[in-house]
Amino acid sequence: EGTLKGFVKSGKISEHDALIGRKLGHVLTGGDKGGPFTAVDEQYLLDIEREVFVSLAGEQKSIDRIEYMLKKGKPLRN
């Protein structure tokens, strides 16, 4: 989280990039059930991955990025 804030502050990534990073980190670390010594099952990871994907797909900035990529063939940094 702190690294993402630093990247936003320095202009290396956008707030939306940071949101994506936080959500990705949530999935990769096992979500609410994960911990340093706690294993989570594959189905749980797939479930939270889907939740995060659907959540991000509903964000206007994600929609803008998808549309821009389809129209221009290059990423939008918003």
PDB file of N, CA and C in Angstrom:
ATOM      1  N   GLU A   1       0.840  -1.203   0.000  1.00  0.00           N
ATOM      2  CA  GLU A   1       0.000   0.000   0.000  1.00  0.00           C
ATOM      3  C   GLU A   1       0.873   1.250   0.000  1.00  0.00           C
ATOM      4  N   GLY A   2       1.877   1.279   0.847  1.00  0.00           N
ATOM      5  CA  GLY A   2       2.745   2.450   0.918  1.00  0.00           C
ATOM      6  C   GLY A   2       3.498   2.699  -0.375  1.00  0.00           C
ATOM      7  N   THR A   3       3.947   1.631  -1.008  1.00  0.00           N
ATOM      8  CA  THR A   3       4.650   1.765  -2.279  1.00  0.00           C
ATOM      9  C   THR A   3       3.730   2.337  -3.346  1.00  0.00           C
ATOM     10  N   LEU A   4       2.493   1.866  -3.383  1.00  0.00           N
ATOM     11  CA  LEU A   4       1.533   2.381  -4.364  1.00  0.00           C
ATOM     12  C   LEU A   4       1.293   3.871  -4.157  1.00  0.00           C
ATOM     13  N   LYS A   5       1.155   4.282  -2.899  1.00  0.00           N
ATOM     14  CA  LYS A   5       0.943   5.708  -2.608  1.00  0.00           C
ATOM     15  C   LYS A   5       2.138   6.533  -3.076  1.00  0.00           C
ATOM     16  N   GLY A   6       3.334   6.009  -2.867  1.00  0.00           N
ATOM     17  CA  GLY A   6       4.540   6.702  -3.308  1.00  0.00           C
ATOM     18  C   GLY A   6       4.594   6.838  -4.820  1.00  0.00           C
ATOM     19  N   PHE A   7       4.201   5.783  -5.524  1.00  0.00           N
ATOM     20  CA  PHE A   7       4.172   5.838  -6.986  1.00  0.00           C
ATOM     21  C   PHE A   7       3.151   6.845  -7.487  1.00  0.00           C
ATOM     22  N   VAL A   8       1.992   6.899  -6.829  1.00  0.00           N
ATOM     23  CA  VAL A   8       0.971   7.884  -7.220  1.00  0.00           C
ATOM     24  C   VAL A   8       1.498   9.289  -6.974  1.00  0.00           C
ATOM     25  N   LYS A   9       2.072   9.493  -5.800  1.00  0.00           N
ATOM     26  CA  LYS A   9       2.577  10.815  -5.432  1.00  0.00           C
ATOM     27  C   LYS A   9       3.660  11.292  -6.401  1.00  0.00           C
ATOM     28  N   SER A  10       4.496  10.375  -6.855  1.00  0.00           N
ATOM     29  CA  SER A  10       5.575  10.747  -7.776  1.00  0.00           C
ATOM     30  C   SER A  10       5.111  10.807  -9.233  1.00  0.00           C
ATOM     31  N   GLY A  11       3.857  10.442  -9.493  1.00  0.00           N
ATOM     32  CA  GLY A  11       3.327  10.503 -10.849  1.00  0.00           C
ATOM     33  C   GLY A  11       3.651   9.298 -11.715  1.00  0.00           C
ATOM     34  N   LYS A  12       4.210   8.256 -11.111  1.00  0.00           N
ATOM     35  CA  LYS A  12       4.565   7.066 -11.884  1.00  0.00           C
ATOM     36  C   LYS A  12       3.338   6.238 -12.256  1.00  0.00           C
ATOM     37  N   ILE A  13       2.322   6.271 -11.401  1.00  0.00           N
ATOM     38  CA  ILE A  13       1.074   5.570 -11.693  1.00  0.00           C
ATOM     39  C   ILE A  13      -0.094   6.479 -11.332  1.00  0.00           C
ATOM     40  N   SER A  14      -1.259   6.167 -11.886  1.00  0.00           N
ATOM     41  CA  SER A  14      -2.465   6.948 -11.585  1.00  0.00           C
ATOM     42  C   SER A  14      -3.176   6.361 -10.360  1.00  0.00           C
ATOM     43  N   GLU A  15      -4.154   7.086  -9.863  1.00  0.00           N
ATOM     44  CA  GLU A  15      -4.968   6.571  -8.756  1.00  0.00           C
ATOM     45  C   GLU A  15      -5.654   5.269  -9.166  1.00  0.00           C
ATOM     46  N   HIS A  16      -6.077   5.196 -10.420  1.00  0.00           N
ATOM     47  CA  HIS A  16      -6.749   3.973 -10.885  1.00  0.00           C
ATOM     48  C   HIS A  16      -5.762   2.808 -10.948  1.00  0.00           C
ATOM     49  N   ASP A  17      -4.529   3.076 -11.371  1.00  0.00           N
ATOM     50  CA  ASP A  17      -3.498   2.031 -11.340  1.00  0.00           C
ATOM     51  C   ASP A  17      -3.313   1.515  -9.913  1.00  0.00           C
ATOM     52  N   ALA A  18      -3.314   2.424  -8.949  1.00  0.00           N
ATOM     53  CA  ALA A  18      -3.150   2.039  -7.546  1.00  0.00           C
ATOM     54  C   ALA A  18      -4.331   1.196  -7.077  1.00  0.00           C
ATOM     55  N   LEU A  19      -5.538   1.556  -7.499  1.00  0.00           N
ATOM     56  CA  LEU A  19      -6.719   0.762  -7.148  1.00  0.00           C
ATOM     57  C   LEU A  19      -6.579  -0.657  -7.685  1.00  0.00           C
ATOM     58  N   ILE A  20      -6.157  -0.777  -8.922  1.00  0.00           N
ATOM     59  CA  ILE A  20      -5.945  -2.097  -9.521  1.00  0.00           C
ATOM     60  C   ILE A  20      -4.877  -2.857  -8.736  1.00  0.00           C
ATOM     61  N   GLY A  21      -3.802  -2.188  -8.377  1.00  0.00           N
ATOM     62  CA  GLY A  21      -2.733  -2.818  -7.601  1.00  0.00           C
ATOM     63  C   GLY A  21      -3.200  -3.312  -6.246  1.00  0.00           C
ATOM     64  N   ARG A  22      -4.010  -2.503  -5.562  1.00  0.00           N
ATOM     65  CA  ARG A  22      -4.533  -2.918  -4.254  1.00  0.00           C
ATOM     66  C   ARG A  22      -5.428  -4.146  -4.388  1.00  0.00           C
ATOM     67  N   LYS A  23      -6.288  -4.138  -5.398  1.00  0.00           N
ATOM     68  CA  LYS A  23      -7.197  -5.272  -5.587  1.00  0.00           C
ATOM     69  C   LYS A  23      -6.428  -6.523  -5.998  1.00  0.00           C
ATOM     70  N   LEU A  24      -5.415  -6.365  -6.840  1.00  0.00           N
ATOM     71  CA  LEU A  24      -4.583  -7.495  -7.228  1.00  0.00           C
ATOM     72  C   LEU A  24      -3.844  -8.053  -6.011  1.00  0.00           C
ATOM     73  N   GLY A  25      -3.306  -7.168  -5.192  1.00  0.00           N
ATOM     74  CA  GLY A  25      -2.631  -7.595  -3.970  1.00  0.00           C
ATOM     75  C   GLY A  25      -3.558  -8.352  -3.039  1.00  0.00           C
ATOM     76  N   HIS A  26      -4.805  -7.919  -2.972  1.00  0.00           N
ATOM     77  CA  HIS A  26      -5.809  -8.592  -2.138  1.00  0.00           C
ATOM     78  C   HIS A  26      -5.990 -10.041  -2.598  1.00  0.00           C
ATOM     79  N   VAL A  27      -6.076 -10.233  -3.906  1.00  0.00           N
ATOM     80  CA  VAL A  27      -6.248 -11.586  -4.444  1.00  0.00           C
ATOM     81  C   VAL A  27      -4.987 -12.417  -4.212  1.00  0.00           C
ATOM     82  N   LEU A  28      -3.827 -11.857  -4.553  1.00  0.00           N
ATOM     83  CA  LEU A  28      -2.574 -12.614  -4.476  1.00  0.00           C
ATOM     84  C   LEU A  28      -2.189 -13.009  -3.059  1.00  0.00           C
ATOM     85  N   THR A  29      -2.692 -12.273  -2.074  1.00  0.00           N
ATOM     86  CA  THR A  29      -2.367 -12.598  -0.682  1.00  0.00           C
ATOM     87  C   THR A  29      -3.466 -13.400   0.002  1.00  0.00           C
ATOM     88  N   GLY A  30      -4.422 -13.888  -0.769  1.00  0.00           N
ATOM     89  CA  GLY A  30      -5.428 -14.775  -0.202  1.00  0.00           C
ATOM     90  C   GLY A  30      -6.668 -14.087   0.316  1.00  0.00           C
ATOM     91  N   GLY A  31      -6.851 -12.827  -0.022  1.00  0.00           N
ATOM     92  CA  GLY A  31      -8.072 -12.122   0.391  1.00  0.00           C
ATOM     93  C   GLY A  31      -8.204 -12.011   1.894  1.00  0.00           C
ATOM     94  N   ASP A  32      -9.433 -12.029   2.354  1.00  0.00           N
ATOM     95  CA  ASP A  32      -9.706 -11.882   3.785  1.00  0.00           C
ATOM     96  C   ASP A  32      -9.305 -13.115   4.590  1.00  0.00           C
ATOM     97  N   LYS A  33      -9.164 -14.253   3.927  1.00  0.00           N
ATOM     98  CA  LYS A  33      -8.815 -15.496   4.627  1.00  0.00           C
ATOM     99  C   LYS A  33      -7.312 -15.752   4.668  1.00  0.00           C
ATOM    100  N   GLY A  34      -6.559 -15.047   3.834  1.00  0.00           N
ATOM    101  CA  GLY A  34      -5.129 -15.308   3.719  1.00  0.00           C
ATOM    102  C   GLY A  34      -4.326 -14.723   4.862  1.00  0.00           C
ATOM    103  N   GLY A  35      -3.156 -15.265   5.043  1.00  0.00           N
ATOM    104  CA  GLY A  35      -2.233 -14.786   6.056  1.00  0.00           C
ATOM    105  C   GLY A  35      -0.880 -15.423   5.820  1.00  0.00           C
ATOM    106  N   PRO A  36       0.143 -14.988   6.559  1.00  0.00           N
ATOM    107  CA  PRO A  36       1.492 -15.518   6.332  1.00  0.00           C
ATOM    108  C   PRO A  36       1.585 -17.040   6.458  1.00  0.00           C
ATOM    109  N   PHE A  37       0.781 -17.616   7.342  1.00  0.00           N
ATOM    110  CA  PHE A  37       0.855 -19.063   7.560  1.00  0.00           C
ATOM    111  C   PHE A  37      -0.494 -19.731   7.341  1.00  0.00           C
ATOM    112  N   THR A  38      -1.347 -19.092   6.548  1.00  0.00           N
ATOM    113  CA  THR A  38      -2.688 -19.607   6.309  1.00  0.00           C
ATOM    114  C   THR A  38      -2.865 -19.911   4.828  1.00  0.00           C
ATOM    115  N   ALA A  39      -3.150 -21.159   4.527  1.00  0.00           N
ATOM    116  CA  ALA A  39      -3.405 -21.550   3.141  1.00  0.00           C
ATOM    117  C   ALA A  39      -4.884 -21.341   2.819  1.00  0.00           C
ATOM    118  N   VAL A  40      -5.149 -20.958   1.599  1.00  0.00           N
ATOM    119  CA  VAL A  40      -6.533 -20.858   1.132  1.00  0.00           C
ATOM    120  C   VAL A  40      -6.679 -21.781  -0.071  1.00  0.00           C
ATOM    121  N   ASP A  41      -7.888 -22.282  -0.276  1.00  0.00           N
ATOM    122  CA  ASP A  41      -8.056 -23.225  -1.381  1.00  0.00           C
ATOM    123  C   ASP A  41      -8.218 -22.506  -2.717  1.00  0.00           C
ATOM    124  N   GLU A  42      -7.990 -23.264  -3.764  1.00  0.00           N
ATOM    125  CA  GLU A  42      -7.995 -22.709  -5.114  1.00  0.00           C
ATOM    126  C   GLU A  42      -9.345 -22.092  -5.474  1.00  0.00           C
ATOM    127  N   GLN A  43     -10.431 -22.741  -5.089  1.00  0.00           N
ATOM    128  CA  GLN A  43     -11.753 -22.218  -5.436  1.00  0.00           C
ATOM    129  C   GLN A  43     -11.985 -20.852  -4.802  1.00  0.00           C
ATOM    130  N   TYR A  44     -11.523 -20.674  -3.569  1.00  0.00           N
ATOM    131  CA  TYR A  44     -11.664 -19.371  -2.910  1.00  0.00           C
ATOM    132  C   TYR A  44     -10.904 -18.296  -3.691  1.00  0.00           C
ATOM    133  N   LEU A  45      -9.687 -18.616  -4.117  1.00  0.00           N
ATOM    134  CA  LEU A  45      -8.903 -17.657  -4.904  1.00  0.00           C
ATOM    135  C   LEU A  45      -9.599 -17.318  -6.223  1.00  0.00           C
ATOM    136  N   LEU A  46     -10.151 -18.323  -6.882  1.00  0.00           N
ATOM    137  CA  LEU A  46     -10.877 -18.077  -8.129  1.00  0.00           C
ATOM    138  C   LEU A  46     -12.097 -17.195  -7.885  1.00  0.00           C
ATOM    139  N   ASP A  47     -12.774 -17.434  -6.768  1.00  0.00           N
ATOM    140  CA  ASP A  47     -13.960 -16.632  -6.431  1.00  0.00           C
ATOM    141  C   ASP A  47     -13.600 -15.170  -6.191  1.00  0.00           C
ATOM    142  N   ILE A  48     -12.537 -14.918  -5.408  1.00  0.00           N
ATOM    143  CA  ILE A  48     -12.197 -13.515  -5.144  1.00  0.00           C
ATOM    144  C   ILE A  48     -11.591 -12.852  -6.377  1.00  0.00           C
ATOM    145  N   GLU A  49     -10.903 -13.639  -7.208  1.00  0.00           N
ATOM    146  CA  GLU A  49     -10.390 -13.087  -8.466  1.00  0.00           C
ATOM    147  C   GLU A  49     -11.554 -12.616  -9.345  1.00  0.00           C
ATOM    148  N   ARG A  50     -12.595 -13.437  -9.433  1.00  0.00           N
ATOM    149  CA  ARG A  50     -13.769 -13.064 -10.233  1.00  0.00           C
ATOM    150  C   ARG A  50     -14.451 -11.829  -9.657  1.00  0.00           C
ATOM    151  N   GLU A  51     -14.599 -11.772  -8.333  1.00  0.00           N
ATOM    152  CA  GLU A  51     -15.212 -10.609  -7.680  1.00  0.00           C
ATOM    153  C   GLU A  51     -14.441  -9.329  -8.000  1.00  0.00           C
ATOM    154  N   VAL A  52     -13.122  -9.404  -7.915  1.00  0.00           N
ATOM    155  CA  VAL A  52     -12.281  -8.238  -8.191  1.00  0.00           C
ATOM    156  C   VAL A  52     -12.386  -7.838  -9.663  1.00  0.00           C
ATOM    157  N   PHE A  53     -12.378  -8.815 -10.552  1.00  0.00           N
ATOM    158  CA  PHE A  53     -12.483  -8.519 -11.980  1.00  0.00           C
ATOM    159  C   PHE A  53     -13.804  -7.821 -12.296  1.00  0.00           C
ATOM    160  N   VAL A  54     -14.898  -8.359 -11.782  1.00  0.00           N
ATOM    161  CA  VAL A  54     -16.214  -7.766 -12.037  1.00  0.00           C
ATOM    162  C   VAL A  54     -16.288  -6.368 -11.430  1.00  0.00           C
ATOM    163  N   SER A  55     -15.738  -6.208 -10.243  1.00  0.00           N
ATOM    164  CA  SER A  55     -15.719  -4.904  -9.585  1.00  0.00           C
ATOM    165  C   SER A  55     -14.963  -3.881 -10.433  1.00  0.00           C
ATOM    166  N   LEU A  56     -13.780  -4.254 -10.905  1.00  0.00           N
ATOM    167  CA  LEU A  56     -12.983  -3.336 -11.725  1.00  0.00           C
ATOM    168  C   LEU A  56     -13.638  -3.078 -13.083  1.00  0.00           C
ATOM    169  N   ALA A  57     -14.286  -4.084 -13.644  1.00  0.00           N
ATOM    170  CA  ALA A  57     -14.949  -3.913 -14.939  1.00  0.00           C
ATOM    171  C   ALA A  57     -16.091  -2.907 -14.858  1.00  0.00           C
ATOM    172  N   GLY A  58     -16.634  -2.702 -13.674  1.00  0.00           N
ATOM    173  CA  GLY A  58     -17.709  -1.738 -13.486  1.00  0.00           C
ATOM    174  C   GLY A  58     -17.231  -0.319 -13.234  1.00  0.00           C
ATOM    175  N   GLU A  59     -15.937  -0.137 -13.072  1.00  0.00           N
ATOM    176  CA  GLU A  59     -15.373   1.198 -12.837  1.00  0.00           C
ATOM    177  C   GLU A  59     -15.311   1.975 -14.155  1.00  0.00           C
ATOM    178  N   GLN A  60     -15.756   3.205 -14.147  1.00  0.00           N
ATOM    179  CA  GLN A  60     -15.761   4.007 -15.375  1.00  0.00           C
ATOM    180  C   GLN A  60     -14.365   4.144 -15.971  1.00  0.00           C
ATOM    181  N   LYS A  61     -13.359   4.290 -15.136  1.00  0.00           N
ATOM    182  CA  LYS A  61     -11.995   4.429 -15.669  1.00  0.00           C
ATOM    183  C   LYS A  61     -11.523   3.141 -16.341  1.00  0.00           C
ATOM    184  N   SER A  62     -11.972   1.987 -15.843  1.00  0.00           N
ATOM    185  CA  SER A  62     -11.646   0.719 -16.510  1.00  0.00           C
ATOM    186  C   SER A  62     -12.353   0.635 -17.855  1.00  0.00           C
ATOM    187  N   ILE A  63     -13.606   1.043 -17.881  1.00  0.00           N
ATOM    188  CA  ILE A  63     -14.373   1.045 -19.128  1.00  0.00           C
ATOM    189  C   ILE A  63     -13.698   1.960 -20.145  1.00  0.00           C
ATOM    190  N   ASP A  64     -13.278   3.138 -19.692  1.00  0.00           N
ATOM    191  CA  ASP A  64     -12.575   4.074 -20.575  1.00  0.00           C
ATOM    192  C   ASP A  64     -11.302   3.448 -21.133  1.00  0.00           C
ATOM    193  N   ARG A  65     -10.572   2.730 -20.294  1.00  0.00           N
ATOM    194  CA  ARG A  65      -9.332   2.082 -20.738  1.00  0.00           C
ATOM    195  C   ARG A  65      -9.613   1.017 -21.790  1.00  0.00           C
ATOM    196  N   ILE A  66     -10.636   0.216 -21.558  1.00  0.00           N
ATOM    197  CA  ILE A  66     -10.983  -0.851 -22.504  1.00  0.00           C
ATOM    198  C   ILE A  66     -11.387  -0.252 -23.850  1.00  0.00           C
ATOM    199  N   GLU A  67     -12.260   0.753 -23.810  1.00  0.00           N
ATOM    200  CA  GLU A  67     -12.708   1.393 -25.052  1.00  0.00           C
ATOM    201  C   GLU A  67     -11.540   2.025 -25.807  1.00  0.00           C
ATOM    202  N   TYR A  68     -10.663   2.694 -25.090  1.00  0.00           N
ATOM    203  CA  TYR A  68      -9.506   3.348 -25.712  1.00  0.00           C
ATOM    204  C   TYR A  68      -8.595   2.308 -26.372  1.00  0.00           C
ATOM    205  N   MET A  69      -8.350   1.205 -25.670  1.00  0.00           N
ATOM    206  CA  MET A  69      -7.490   0.151 -26.213  1.00  0.00           C
ATOM    207  C   MET A  69      -8.103  -0.437 -27.482  1.00  0.00           C
ATOM    208  N   LEU A  70      -9.408  -0.636 -27.484  1.00  0.00           N
ATOM    209  CA  LEU A  70     -10.065  -1.189 -28.665  1.00  0.00           C
ATOM    210  C   LEU A  70     -10.034  -0.213 -29.843  1.00  0.00           C
ATOM    211  N   LYS A  71     -10.149   1.082 -29.559  1.00  0.00           N
ATOM    212  CA  LYS A  71     -10.164   2.090 -30.627  1.00  0.00           C
ATOM    213  C   LYS A  71      -8.767   2.449 -31.120  1.00  0.00           C
ATOM    214  N   LYS A  72      -7.832   2.631 -30.185  1.00  0.00           N
ATOM    215  CA  LYS A  72      -6.507   3.165 -30.530  1.00  0.00           C
ATOM    216  C   LYS A  72      -5.401   2.115 -30.582  1.00  0.00           C
ATOM    217  N   GLY A  73      -5.635   0.965 -29.942  1.00  0.00           N
ATOM    218  CA  GLY A  73      -4.614  -0.072 -29.930  1.00  0.00           C
ATOM    219  C   GLY A  73      -3.469   0.192 -28.975  1.00  0.00           C
ATOM    220  N   LYS A  74      -3.648   1.122 -28.064  1.00  0.00           N
ATOM    221  CA  LYS A  74      -2.619   1.395 -27.055  1.00  0.00           C
ATOM    222  C   LYS A  74      -3.302   1.746 -25.733  1.00  0.00           C
ATOM    223  N   PRO A  75      -2.581   1.579 -24.626  1.00  0.00           N
ATOM    224  CA  PRO A  75      -3.207   1.789 -23.315  1.00  0.00           C
ATOM    225  C   PRO A  75      -3.486   3.256 -22.997  1.00  0.00           C
ATOM    226  N   LEU A  76      -4.556   3.461 -22.272  1.00  0.00           N
ATOM    227  CA  LEU A  76      -4.908   4.780 -21.752  1.00  0.00           C
ATOM    228  C   LEU A  76      -4.415   4.858 -20.321  1.00  0.00           C
ATOM    229  N   ARG A  77      -3.713   5.909 -19.989  1.00  0.00           N
ATOM    230  CA  ARG A  77      -3.237   6.125 -18.619  1.00  0.00           C
ATOM    231  C   ARG A  77      -4.126   7.166 -17.971  1.00  0.00           C
ATOM    232  N   ASN A  78      -5.119   6.700 -17.249  1.00  0.00           N
ATOM    233  CA  ASN A  78      -6.051   7.614 -16.588  1.00  0.00           C
ATOM    234  C   ASN A  78      -6.079   7.365 -15.103  1.00  0.00           C
TER     235      ASN A  78
END
